[in-house]
Amino acid sequence: MEALHVYDTTLRDGAQQEGLNLSVSDKLAIAGLLDELGVDFIEGGWPGANPKDTEFFERAGRELTLRHATLAAFGATRRAGSCAADDPLVAALLEAGAPVVCLVAKSHVRHVEEALRTSLEENLEMIRDTVSHLVAQGRRVFLDAEHFFEGWHLDRDYALTVVRTAHAAGAEVVVLCDTNGGMLPHQVEQVVADVLAQTGARVGAHCHNDTGCAAANSVAAVRAGATHVQGTVNGYGERTGNADLVTVAANLQFKLGLPAIDPDAFRQAMPIAHAISEITNVPAYSRQPYVGASAFAHKAGLHASALKVDPDLYQHMEPALVGNGMRTLVSDMAGRASVELKAREAGLDVSARPDVVAGVLAEVKALELQGWTFDAADASVELMLRRALEPGSTDYFDIESWRVITESARGGEAASEATVKLRADGRRTVATGEGNGPVNALDHALRQAIAVAYPEIEKFELIDFKVRILDASHGSDAVTRVLIETSDGETSWNTIGVAANIIEASWRALVDGLVHGLVRQGVPIR
């Protein structure tokens, strides 16, 4: 088998996702992370057709140092009735300076005749002319055969002719694209096997996820003989997205034993995927395979009992291989084993304290009956364990009082002001903070009050805030649950607050978020 290509198109195809908008600086930062991940090719965009992508390639030449990956420029075959050597968009591909050019071409007869509005023979000549011209200029050329699977079903002979033409002209890989994302794995296997048998070309796969099968289709293509897979980190892309490249590469490497990504680089998969989520401003999906926060999380008491004996009993692989870790979720479904495992994760020894385990378990069950949900708030559970095991161990400050006022002057925008009084490091502090809402104002005031004693909190940032009304039938006096996610720039943690007053619920979650951050940083109580 030829060496497997792992080709990333996050910066081009992934950027077509609704609501995702990357600056040139964003794209350069993501490219650096993709190189750390160990992908073989990074598709930077379409120079000449998009000013932002043209600038990306200009800056990449000066600012981007790739240690593993090769940069690829995306473009199209020349226009009908012209010559590749005279086509300005083809020239822009050469000017971009990328060692690899990935051309998109039509392989579906209706697309040729109705979208391109040219003849089937002219489409073949466009492919032949453009590929051979770029190869003659010293570029490695890959060809994306758009709508290939549907085109193969409509007119197999023509689809195969497209592959033969590109291959004969010098295309290193012909990538079969499931552009509409409508295929199933058995269909992909059938088509890929036929193309390989009939053409002798090196074949790749580019799958979209409209049937929920993009990753499975990519694996099916490789099983049938493809040696090049395309996808995007976190499955970004238009409609339902592209094949998630980390999922595809992990399936190939850990399930089929194929060398897709360097093992040391793969151990950074989860932090890299989450770092890219921060840049794109698209929240990481907790249930994402391999690298999601919940990918190796266990909630049921029965599972926890078995995991305590041997983690492999309820896990399909070692989480550390992709930079993830096992998590035990403590909830009203938990038993003693769940609490013990959670304590072990936090580095706490409760083996000689069955009273602590029983007490925390009882407290969790009682609070969940009132609307708390600890499986989504690991940090709150850890604080509960620490307080039960060693009272006072999280008492970084003593709250005297807090209040918040929201007002709108003369019908203008509402603004909030909060005052917090507390004692820390033997001193009483009164701090006032302003914000665009009551929680923002409380956050500012609390940070000001604590910062003198604990300057470490400067690196903590509230990155997510979720509110849920638990008993909506009660109207405006319903009980409210607030979940807050806090980050130190490298990792994040979740805390919870529940109260009849939404501000009180937010305050509880906010305080626990900062306290847990101090514990996490190993800051001593002053």
Protein backbone atom coordinates (compact mmCIF):
# COMPACT_ATOMS: atom_id res chain seq x y z
CA MET A 1 0.00 0.00 0.00
CA GLU A 2 1.25 3.51 -0.83
CA ALA A 3 1.85 5.86 2.08
CA LEU A 4 -1.48 7.24 3.25
CA HIS A 5 -2.13 10.95 2.63
CA VAL A 6 -4.00 12.85 5.36
CA TYR A 7 -5.16 16.04 3.63
CA ASP A 8 -6.79 18.85 5.61
CA THR A 9 -9.18 21.33 3.99
CA THR A 10 -10.33 23.19 7.12
CA LEU A 11 -9.07 26.53 5.80
CA ARG A 12 -10.94 26.21 2.52
CA ASP A 13 -13.88 23.80 2.56
CA GLY A 14 -14.32 23.99 6.34
CA ALA A 15 -14.46 27.79 6.19
CA GLN A 16 -17.66 27.49 4.13
CA GLN A 17 -19.56 26.55 7.28
CA GLU A 18 -22.45 28.84 8.10
CA GLY A 19 -21.40 31.43 10.68
CA LEU A 20 -17.68 30.64 10.41
CA ASN A 21 -15.53 33.54 9.22
CA LEU A 22 -11.73 33.34 9.41
CA SER A 23 -9.32 36.24 9.12
CA VAL A 24 -5.94 35.70 7.44
CA SER A 25 -4.32 35.70 10.87
CA ASP A 26 -6.82 33.06 12.02
CA LYS A 27 -5.94 30.90 9.03
CA LEU A 28 -2.21 31.19 9.69
CA ALA A 29 -2.71 30.24 13.35
CA ILE A 30 -4.85 27.24 12.42
CA ALA A 31 -2.29 26.15 9.81
CA GLY A 32 0.37 26.08 12.52
CA LEU A 33 -1.85 23.90 14.71
CA LEU A 34 -2.62 21.55 11.82
CA ASP A 35 1.10 21.12 11.26
CA GLU A 36 1.51 20.23 14.95
CA LEU A 37 -1.28 17.68 14.54
CA GLY A 38 0.79 15.99 11.86
CA VAL A 39 -1.44 16.18 8.78
CA ASP A 40 0.37 15.70 5.47
CA PHE A 41 -1.26 18.50 3.47
CA ILE A 42 -2.91 21.78 4.43
CA GLU A 43 -5.18 23.34 1.80
CA GLY A 44 -4.85 27.08 2.35
CA GLY A 45 -7.60 28.37 0.07
CA TRP A 46 -8.24 29.57 -3.47
CA PRO A 47 -5.68 32.23 -4.48
CA GLY A 48 -6.81 34.56 -7.21
CA ALA A 49 -10.49 33.91 -6.60
CA ASN A 50 -10.53 35.21 -3.03
CA PRO A 51 -8.43 38.21 -1.90
CA LYS A 52 -8.17 36.84 1.62
CA ASP A 53 -6.77 33.55 0.33
CA THR A 54 -4.33 35.36 -1.96
CA GLU A 55 -3.06 37.27 1.08
CA PHE A 56 -2.86 34.02 3.07
CA PHE A 57 -0.39 32.51 0.59
CA GLU A 58 1.61 35.75 0.42
CA ARG A 59 1.96 35.84 4.22
CA ALA A 60 2.43 32.07 4.56
CA GLY A 61 5.62 32.33 2.52
CA ARG A 62 7.01 34.82 5.07
CA GLU A 63 5.38 33.83 8.35
CA LEU A 64 4.60 30.11 8.23
CA THR A 65 7.24 27.48 8.93
CA LEU A 66 5.79 24.02 8.45
CA ARG A 67 7.75 21.15 9.99
CA HIS A 68 5.67 18.31 8.59
CA ALA A 69 2.80 19.42 6.37
CA THR A 70 2.93 20.59 2.76
CA LEU A 71 0.87 23.61 1.72
CA ALA A 72 -1.65 23.16 -1.09
CA ALA A 73 -3.47 25.79 -3.17
CA PHE A 74 -6.98 25.07 -4.40
CA GLY A 75 -8.29 26.12 -7.77
CA ALA A 76 -10.26 25.12 -10.85
CA THR A 77 -9.40 23.90 -14.30
CA ARG A 78 -9.08 26.57 -16.97
CA ARG A 79 -12.15 28.13 -18.52
CA ALA A 80 -13.80 26.51 -21.52
CA GLY A 81 -12.45 27.64 -24.88
CA SER A 82 -9.22 29.09 -23.46
CA CYS A 83 -5.69 27.90 -22.74
CA ALA A 84 -4.32 27.02 -19.29
CA ALA A 85 -1.14 28.99 -19.92
CA ASP A 86 -3.23 32.15 -20.47
CA ASP A 87 -5.82 31.67 -17.71
CA PRO A 88 -5.36 34.29 -14.92
CA LEU A 89 -6.76 32.01 -12.21
CA VAL A 90 -4.39 29.22 -13.20
CA ALA A 91 -1.56 31.77 -13.11
CA ALA A 92 -2.64 32.79 -9.60
CA LEU A 93 -2.22 29.18 -8.49
CA LEU A 94 1.38 29.26 -9.64
CA GLU A 95 1.99 32.67 -8.09
CA ALA A 96 0.78 31.37 -4.72
CA GLY A 97 3.97 29.34 -4.54
CA ALA A 98 2.44 26.27 -2.93
CA PRO A 99 4.19 23.01 -3.89
CA VAL A 100 0.82 21.27 -4.38
CA VAL A 101 -2.17 22.42 -6.41
CA CYS A 102 -5.55 20.74 -5.94
CA LEU A 103 -7.81 21.32 -8.93
CA VAL A 104 -11.56 20.85 -8.90
CA ALA A 105 -13.10 19.43 -12.08
CA LYS A 106 -16.48 18.15 -13.18
CA SER A 107 -17.02 14.40 -13.45
CA HIS A 108 -20.83 14.38 -13.63
CA VAL A 109 -22.23 14.77 -17.17
CA ARG A 110 -25.15 16.96 -16.13
CA HIS A 111 -22.83 19.32 -14.26
CA VAL A 112 -20.60 19.56 -17.32
CA GLU A 113 -23.48 20.35 -19.64
CA GLU A 114 -25.71 22.42 -17.34
CA ALA A 115 -23.33 24.08 -14.87
CA LEU A 116 -20.21 24.52 -17.02
CA ARG A 117 -22.31 24.78 -20.20
CA THR A 118 -19.71 23.09 -22.30
CA SER A 119 -19.26 19.77 -24.06
CA LEU A 120 -18.10 16.57 -22.43
CA GLU A 121 -14.99 16.51 -24.63
CA GLU A 122 -14.10 20.13 -23.81
CA ASN A 123 -14.34 19.34 -20.09
CA LEU A 124 -11.80 16.54 -20.59
CA GLU A 125 -9.53 18.93 -22.51
CA MET A 126 -9.80 21.48 -19.69
CA ILE A 127 -8.61 18.82 -17.26
CA ARG A 128 -5.83 17.59 -19.55
CA ASP A 129 -4.53 21.06 -20.38
CA THR A 130 -4.59 22.45 -16.82
CA VAL A 131 -3.05 19.42 -15.13
CA SER A 132 -0.25 19.05 -17.69
CA HIS A 133 0.50 22.80 -17.58
CA LEU A 134 0.84 22.85 -13.78
CA VAL A 135 2.93 19.68 -13.77
CA ALA A 136 5.22 21.20 -16.39
CA GLN A 137 5.66 24.18 -14.04
CA GLY A 138 6.92 21.85 -11.29
CA ARG A 139 3.76 21.50 -9.23
CA ARG A 140 2.38 18.32 -7.71
CA VAL A 141 -1.24 18.17 -8.86
CA PHE A 142 -4.20 16.52 -7.15
CA LEU A 143 -7.58 16.58 -8.88
CA ASP A 144 -10.88 16.75 -6.98
CA ALA A 145 -13.45 14.99 -9.18
CA GLU A 146 -16.57 16.83 -8.05
CA HIS A 147 -19.87 14.95 -7.67
CA PHE A 148 -18.01 11.80 -8.68
CA PHE A 149 -20.15 9.13 -7.01
CA GLU A 150 -23.41 10.45 -8.40
CA GLY A 151 -21.70 10.98 -11.75
CA TRP A 152 -20.47 7.37 -11.73
CA HIS A 153 -24.01 6.11 -11.14
CA LEU A 154 -25.38 8.33 -13.93
CA ASP A 155 -22.68 7.70 -16.55
CA ARG A 156 -19.95 5.35 -15.35
CA ASP A 157 -17.96 5.46 -18.58
CA TYR A 158 -17.61 9.24 -18.56
CA ALA A 159 -16.73 9.39 -14.85
CA LEU A 160 -13.99 6.81 -15.40
CA THR A 161 -12.75 8.73 -18.44
CA VAL A 162 -12.32 11.84 -16.26
CA VAL A 163 -10.09 9.85 -13.89
CA ARG A 164 -8.05 8.35 -16.76
CA THR A 165 -7.60 11.78 -18.35
CA ALA A 166 -6.36 13.43 -15.16
CA HIS A 167 -4.07 10.50 -14.38
CA ALA A 168 -2.56 10.45 -17.86
CA ALA A 169 -1.97 14.22 -17.72
CA GLY A 170 0.11 13.83 -14.56
CA ALA A 171 -2.30 14.17 -11.65
CA GLU A 172 -0.70 12.41 -8.66
CA VAL A 173 -4.05 11.69 -7.00
CA VAL A 174 -7.62 11.75 -8.28
CA VAL A 175 -9.92 12.48 -5.35
CA LEU A 176 -13.43 11.09 -5.65
CA CYS A 177 -15.79 13.63 -4.08
CA ASP A 178 -19.13 12.87 -2.46
CA THR A 179 -19.98 16.54 -2.88
CA ASN A 180 -23.64 16.24 -1.90
CA GLY A 181 -22.84 13.88 0.97
CA GLY A 182 -25.49 11.38 -0.09
CA MET A 183 -23.49 8.15 -0.26
CA LEU A 184 -23.39 5.18 2.12
CA PRO A 185 -20.26 3.11 2.90
CA HIS A 186 -21.11 0.12 0.70
CA GLN A 187 -21.65 2.44 -2.28
CA VAL A 188 -18.33 4.16 -1.68
CA GLU A 189 -16.49 0.83 -1.49
CA GLN A 190 -18.09 -0.32 -4.74
CA VAL A 191 -17.17 2.82 -6.68
CA VAL A 192 -13.61 3.15 -5.34
CA ALA A 193 -12.87 -0.51 -6.12
CA ASP A 194 -14.19 -0.06 -9.65
CA VAL A 195 -12.14 3.09 -10.28
CA LEU A 196 -8.95 1.42 -9.09
CA ALA A 197 -9.58 -1.65 -11.21
CA GLN A 198 -10.42 0.31 -14.35
CA THR A 199 -7.97 3.22 -14.29
CA GLY A 200 -4.78 2.42 -12.38
CA ALA A 201 -4.86 5.92 -10.86
CA ARG A 202 -4.07 6.71 -7.25
CA VAL A 203 -7.42 7.45 -5.62
CA GLY A 204 -8.51 9.64 -2.71
CA ALA A 205 -11.83 10.39 -1.00
CA HIS A 206 -13.50 13.68 -0.05
CA CYS A 207 -16.75 13.04 1.85
CA HIS A 208 -19.49 15.27 3.20
CA ASN A 209 -21.67 14.33 6.13
CA ASP A 210 -25.23 14.78 4.86
CA THR A 211 -26.10 11.14 5.63
CA GLY A 212 -24.06 11.17 8.84
CA CYS A 213 -21.61 8.78 7.14
CA ALA A 214 -18.70 11.04 6.15
CA ALA A 215 -16.18 9.39 8.47
CA ALA A 216 -17.49 5.89 7.71
CA ASN A 217 -17.44 6.62 3.97
CA SER A 218 -13.83 7.82 4.21
CA VAL A 219 -12.80 4.63 6.01
CA ALA A 220 -14.74 2.57 3.46
CA ALA A 221 -12.81 4.27 0.66
CA VAL A 222 -9.50 3.35 2.25
CA ARG A 223 -10.64 -0.21 2.81
CA ALA A 224 -11.41 -0.37 -0.92
CA GLY A 225 -7.93 0.89 -1.81
CA ALA A 226 -7.92 4.70 -1.57
CA THR A 227 -4.66 6.06 -0.16
CA HIS A 228 -5.62 9.72 0.27
CA VAL A 229 -8.32 11.07 2.60
CA GLN A 230 -9.56 14.64 2.88
CA GLY A 231 -11.47 16.21 5.74
CA THR A 232 -11.64 19.06 8.23
CA VAL A 233 -10.81 19.37 11.91
CA ASN A 234 -13.98 19.19 14.01
CA GLY A 235 -15.95 18.30 10.87
CA TYR A 236 -16.36 21.92 9.78
CA GLY A 237 -18.00 22.55 6.42
CA GLU A 238 -21.15 23.70 4.69
CA ARG A 239 -24.52 22.09 5.42
CA THR A 240 -23.80 19.23 7.86
CA GLY A 241 -20.05 19.47 7.42
CA ASN A 242 -17.15 17.47 6.02
CA ALA A 243 -15.61 14.26 7.29
CA ASP A 244 -14.01 14.95 10.68
CA LEU A 245 -10.35 14.39 9.84
CA VAL A 246 -9.33 13.48 13.40
CA THR A 247 -12.06 10.84 13.58
CA VAL A 248 -11.09 9.44 10.17
CA ALA A 249 -7.37 9.37 10.97
CA ALA A 250 -7.97 7.81 14.39
CA ASN A 251 -10.19 5.10 12.90
CA LEU A 252 -7.57 4.30 10.29
CA GLN A 253 -4.72 4.27 12.78
CA PHE A 254 -6.22 2.69 15.89
CA LYS A 255 -8.82 0.42 14.32
CA LEU A 256 -7.24 -0.59 11.01
CA GLY A 257 -3.59 -0.30 12.02
CA LEU A 258 -2.68 2.10 9.19
CA PRO A 259 -0.07 4.80 9.88
CA ALA A 260 -2.08 8.01 9.47
CA ILE A 261 -0.51 10.45 11.96
CA ASP A 262 2.66 10.29 14.05
CA PRO A 263 1.71 8.80 17.46
CA ASP A 264 3.41 11.60 19.42
CA ALA A 265 1.52 14.22 17.41
CA PHE A 266 -1.75 12.29 17.83
CA ARG A 267 -1.41 12.71 21.59
CA GLN A 268 -2.05 16.42 21.01
CA ALA A 269 -5.26 15.83 19.01
CA MET A 270 -7.70 16.91 21.71
CA PRO A 271 -5.96 20.16 22.76
CA ILE A 272 -5.33 21.06 19.10
CA ALA A 273 -8.96 20.41 18.12
CA HIS A 274 -10.12 22.56 21.03
CA ALA A 275 -7.58 25.30 20.26
CA ILE A 276 -8.93 25.47 16.71
CA SER A 277 -12.45 25.73 18.17
CA GLU A 278 -11.31 28.79 20.11
CA ILE A 279 -9.96 30.44 16.95
CA THR A 280 -13.07 29.67 14.89
CA ASN A 281 -15.33 30.71 17.79
CA VAL A 282 -17.37 27.55 17.20
CA PRO A 283 -17.89 25.81 20.58
CA ALA A 284 -16.25 22.41 20.84
CA TYR A 285 -18.77 19.56 20.57
CA SER A 286 -18.54 17.59 23.81
CA ARG A 287 -19.76 14.34 22.20
CA GLN A 288 -17.30 14.47 19.30
CA PRO A 289 -15.60 11.08 18.81
CA TYR A 290 -12.11 10.72 20.28
CA VAL A 291 -11.51 14.38 21.22
CA GLY A 292 -14.83 15.49 22.73
CA ALA A 293 -14.92 16.21 26.45
CA SER A 294 -17.52 13.44 26.84
CA ALA A 295 -15.81 10.91 24.55
CA PHE A 296 -14.50 8.94 27.52
CA ALA A 297 -16.94 10.13 30.19
CA HIS A 298 -18.89 7.56 32.21
CA LYS A 299 -22.03 8.26 34.19
CA ALA A 300 -23.88 5.05 35.09
CA GLY A 301 -22.98 3.48 38.42
CA LEU A 302 -22.70 0.04 36.79
CA HIS A 303 -20.05 1.36 34.40
CA ALA A 304 -18.13 3.04 37.21
CA SER A 305 -17.97 -0.18 39.23
CA ALA A 306 -16.44 -2.00 36.26
CA LEU A 307 -14.10 0.90 35.41
CA LYS A 308 -12.77 0.85 38.94
CA VAL A 309 -11.59 -2.71 38.28
CA ASP A 310 -10.31 -2.15 34.72
CA PRO A 311 -10.91 0.99 32.59
CA ASP A 312 -10.74 -1.08 29.40
CA LEU A 313 -13.99 -2.82 30.30
CA TYR A 314 -16.02 0.21 29.14
CA GLN A 315 -13.58 2.04 26.84
CA HIS A 316 -12.74 1.17 23.26
CA MET A 317 -9.18 2.56 23.52
CA GLU A 318 -6.72 4.39 25.77
CA PRO A 319 -7.88 8.06 25.79
CA ALA A 320 -4.33 9.41 26.20
CA LEU A 321 -3.48 8.24 22.67
CA VAL A 322 -5.54 11.19 21.34
CA GLY A 323 -4.77 13.57 24.21
CA ASN A 324 -8.02 12.89 26.03
CA GLY A 325 -8.70 11.34 29.43
CA MET A 326 -11.30 9.25 31.21
CA ARG A 327 -13.85 11.18 33.26
CA THR A 328 -16.34 9.92 35.77
CA LEU A 329 -19.62 11.83 35.91
CA VAL A 330 -21.24 12.02 39.30
CA SER A 331 -25.04 12.28 39.25
CA ASP A 332 -28.15 10.79 40.82
CA MET A 333 -27.32 7.64 38.82
CA ALA A 334 -23.96 7.33 40.60
CA GLY A 335 -22.89 4.79 43.16
CA ARG A 336 -19.94 4.77 45.54
CA ALA A 337 -17.57 3.70 42.74
CA SER A 338 -18.39 6.84 40.74
CA VAL A 339 -17.49 9.10 43.65
CA GLU A 340 -14.30 7.14 44.33
CA LEU A 341 -13.23 7.38 40.68
CA LYS A 342 -13.98 11.10 40.60
CA ALA A 343 -11.84 11.58 43.72
CA ARG A 344 -9.03 9.59 42.09
CA GLU A 345 -9.21 11.82 38.98
CA ALA A 346 -8.79 14.87 41.24
CA GLY A 347 -5.82 13.30 43.02
CA LEU A 348 -7.75 12.80 46.26
CA ASP A 349 -7.42 9.66 48.37
CA VAL A 350 -10.76 8.63 49.91
CA SER A 351 -9.88 4.96 50.37
CA ALA A 352 -9.90 5.36 54.14
CA ARG A 353 -12.86 7.75 54.25
CA PRO A 354 -16.05 5.82 53.41
CA ASP A 355 -17.93 8.52 55.35
CA VAL A 356 -16.81 11.14 52.83
CA VAL A 357 -17.85 8.98 49.88
CA ALA A 358 -21.26 8.26 51.41
CA GLY A 359 -21.78 11.89 52.39
CA VAL A 360 -20.91 13.31 48.96
CA LEU A 361 -23.04 10.69 47.23
CA ALA A 362 -26.02 11.52 49.43
CA GLU A 363 -25.53 15.25 48.84
CA VAL A 364 -25.34 14.80 45.07
CA LYS A 365 -28.53 12.76 44.96
CA ALA A 366 -30.38 15.23 47.20
CA LEU A 367 -29.28 18.26 45.18
CA GLU A 368 -30.04 16.63 41.82
CA LEU A 369 -33.55 16.08 43.10
CA GLN A 370 -33.75 19.87 43.46
CA GLY A 371 -32.52 20.51 39.90
CA TRP A 372 -28.73 20.47 40.18
CA THR A 373 -26.91 18.48 37.49
CA PHE A 374 -23.38 17.51 38.40
CA ASP A 375 -22.52 15.44 35.34
CA ALA A 376 -22.15 18.78 33.54
CA ALA A 377 -20.20 20.42 36.37
CA ASP A 378 -17.13 18.37 37.23
CA ALA A 379 -15.44 21.23 39.03
CA SER A 380 -18.34 21.62 41.46
CA VAL A 381 -18.15 17.92 42.33
CA GLU A 382 -14.42 18.15 42.95
CA LEU A 383 -14.93 21.13 45.26
CA MET A 384 -17.63 19.18 47.11
CA LEU A 385 -15.17 16.30 47.63
CA ARG A 386 -12.38 18.59 48.80
CA ARG A 387 -14.62 20.39 51.27
CA ALA A 388 -15.88 17.10 52.70
CA LEU A 389 -12.42 15.52 52.88
CA GLU A 390 -10.62 18.54 54.31
CA PRO A 391 -12.90 21.34 55.56
CA GLY A 392 -11.46 24.77 54.91
CA SER A 393 -9.20 23.61 52.10
CA THR A 394 -11.02 25.80 49.56
CA ASP A 395 -11.68 28.82 51.78
CA TYR A 396 -9.64 31.33 49.80
CA PHE A 397 -11.93 34.17 50.85
CA ASP A 398 -14.91 34.80 53.07
CA ILE A 399 -17.88 36.55 51.45
CA GLU A 400 -19.48 39.17 53.66
CA SER A 401 -22.12 40.37 51.18
CA TRP A 402 -22.80 41.16 47.55
CA ARG A 403 -25.38 43.19 45.67
CA VAL A 404 -26.09 44.24 42.10
CA ILE A 405 -28.12 47.08 40.64
CA THR A 406 -29.32 47.39 37.04
CA GLU A 407 -30.69 50.63 35.73
CA SER A 408 -31.52 52.35 32.48
CA ALA A 409 -31.17 56.13 32.48
CA ARG A 410 -33.71 58.01 30.35
CA GLY A 411 -34.58 54.98 28.29
CA GLY A 412 -30.96 54.25 27.31
CA GLU A 413 -29.23 50.90 27.38
CA ALA A 414 -29.39 49.14 30.73
CA ALA A 415 -26.13 48.93 32.72
CA SER A 416 -25.32 47.03 35.89
CA GLU A 417 -23.20 47.84 38.92
CA ALA A 418 -22.19 45.28 41.56
CA THR A 419 -20.58 45.63 44.97
CA VAL A 420 -18.80 42.76 46.72
CA LYS A 421 -17.54 42.79 50.31
CA LEU A 422 -15.19 40.00 51.43
CA ARG A 423 -12.15 39.11 53.50
CA ALA A 424 -9.04 37.59 51.94
CA ASP A 425 -5.47 37.32 53.21
CA GLY A 426 -6.57 38.89 56.51
CA ARG A 427 -7.92 42.03 54.87
CA ARG A 428 -11.43 43.31 54.30
CA THR A 429 -12.05 44.46 50.74
CA VAL A 430 -14.96 46.33 49.18
CA ALA A 431 -14.98 46.36 45.39
CA THR A 432 -17.37 47.74 42.81
CA GLY A 433 -17.61 46.58 39.24
CA GLU A 434 -19.62 47.65 36.21
CA GLY A 435 -20.81 45.44 33.39
CA ASN A 436 -23.24 45.03 30.53
CA GLY A 437 -25.33 42.76 32.75
CA PRO A 438 -25.60 41.75 36.40
CA VAL A 439 -23.41 38.64 36.09
CA ASN A 440 -20.74 40.54 34.17
CA ALA A 441 -20.78 43.26 36.86
CA LEU A 442 -20.54 40.66 39.66
CA ASP A 443 -17.66 38.98 37.87
CA HIS A 444 -15.75 42.26 37.62
CA ALA A 445 -16.41 43.20 41.26
CA LEU A 446 -15.47 39.75 42.58
CA ARG A 447 -12.24 39.72 40.60
CA GLN A 448 -11.28 43.16 41.87
CA ALA A 449 -11.92 42.12 45.45
CA ILE A 450 -9.87 38.92 45.15
CA ALA A 451 -7.06 40.11 42.89
CA VAL A 452 -5.07 41.84 45.65
CA ALA A 453 -4.66 38.56 47.55
CA TYR A 454 -4.74 36.24 44.53
CA PRO A 455 -3.37 37.91 41.38
CA GLU A 456 -3.41 34.46 39.71
CA ILE A 457 -7.08 34.98 38.83
CA GLU A 458 -6.09 37.47 36.12
CA LYS A 459 -5.64 34.57 33.72
CA PHE A 460 -9.13 33.15 34.39
CA GLU A 461 -11.84 33.98 31.88
CA LEU A 462 -15.56 33.18 31.82
CA ILE A 463 -16.03 31.59 28.39
CA ASP A 464 -19.55 30.17 28.52
CA PHE A 465 -22.73 30.88 30.45
CA LYS A 466 -25.84 28.71 30.21
CA VAL A 467 -29.20 29.27 31.89
CA ARG A 468 -32.08 26.83 32.15
CA ILE A 469 -35.47 27.37 33.76
CA LEU A 470 -36.28 24.18 35.68
CA ASP A 471 -39.97 24.58 36.36
CA ALA A 472 -41.27 26.80 33.60
CA SER A 473 -44.87 26.35 34.69
CA HIS A 474 -44.08 28.61 37.67
CA GLY A 475 -43.44 31.53 35.34
CA SER A 476 -41.12 34.28 36.50
CA ASP A 477 -40.62 32.72 39.97
CA ALA A 478 -39.28 29.45 38.55
CA VAL A 479 -36.08 27.86 39.86
CA THR A 480 -33.07 28.58 37.64
CA ARG A 481 -29.98 26.49 36.91
CA VAL A 482 -26.81 28.22 35.72
CA LEU A 483 -23.75 26.49 34.28
CA ILE A 484 -20.55 28.50 33.90
CA GLU A 485 -17.42 27.45 32.03
CA THR A 486 -14.17 29.11 33.08
CA SER A 487 -10.80 28.86 31.34
CA ASP A 488 -7.17 29.54 32.27
CA GLY A 489 -6.17 29.75 28.61
CA GLU A 490 -5.11 26.10 28.44
CA THR A 491 -7.97 24.10 29.94
CA SER A 492 -11.50 24.82 31.14
CA TRP A 493 -13.84 23.65 33.89
CA ASN A 494 -17.57 23.81 34.62
CA THR A 495 -19.40 24.86 37.75
CA ILE A 496 -23.09 24.99 38.63
CA GLY A 497 -25.46 27.11 40.68
CA VAL A 498 -29.17 26.58 41.31
CA ALA A 499 -31.53 29.02 43.03
CA ALA A 500 -34.92 30.64 42.71
CA ASN A 501 -33.07 33.88 41.92
CA ILE A 502 -31.12 33.79 38.65
CA ILE A 503 -28.50 36.18 40.03
CA GLU A 504 -27.95 34.02 43.10
CA ALA A 505 -27.62 30.91 40.95
CA SER A 506 -25.09 32.72 38.76
CA TRP A 507 -23.17 33.96 41.81
CA ARG A 508 -22.79 30.43 43.17
CA ALA A 509 -21.45 29.10 39.89
CA LEU A 510 -19.20 32.14 39.45
CA VAL A 511 -17.59 31.84 42.89
CA ASP A 512 -16.99 28.10 42.50
CA GLY A 513 -15.45 28.71 39.08
CA LEU A 514 -12.80 31.06 40.49
CA VAL A 515 -12.17 28.90 43.56
CA HIS A 516 -11.65 25.80 41.45
CA GLY A 517 -9.26 27.73 39.23
CA LEU A 518 -7.14 28.64 42.27
CA VAL A 519 -7.15 25.01 43.41
CA ARG A 520 -6.25 23.88 39.91
CA GLN A 521 -3.28 26.27 39.85
CA GLY A 522 -2.08 25.00 43.23
CA VAL A 523 -2.42 28.44 44.79
CA PRO A 524 -2.07 28.32 48.63
CA ILE A 525 -4.67 29.97 50.85
CA ARG A 526 -3.37 33.31 52.05
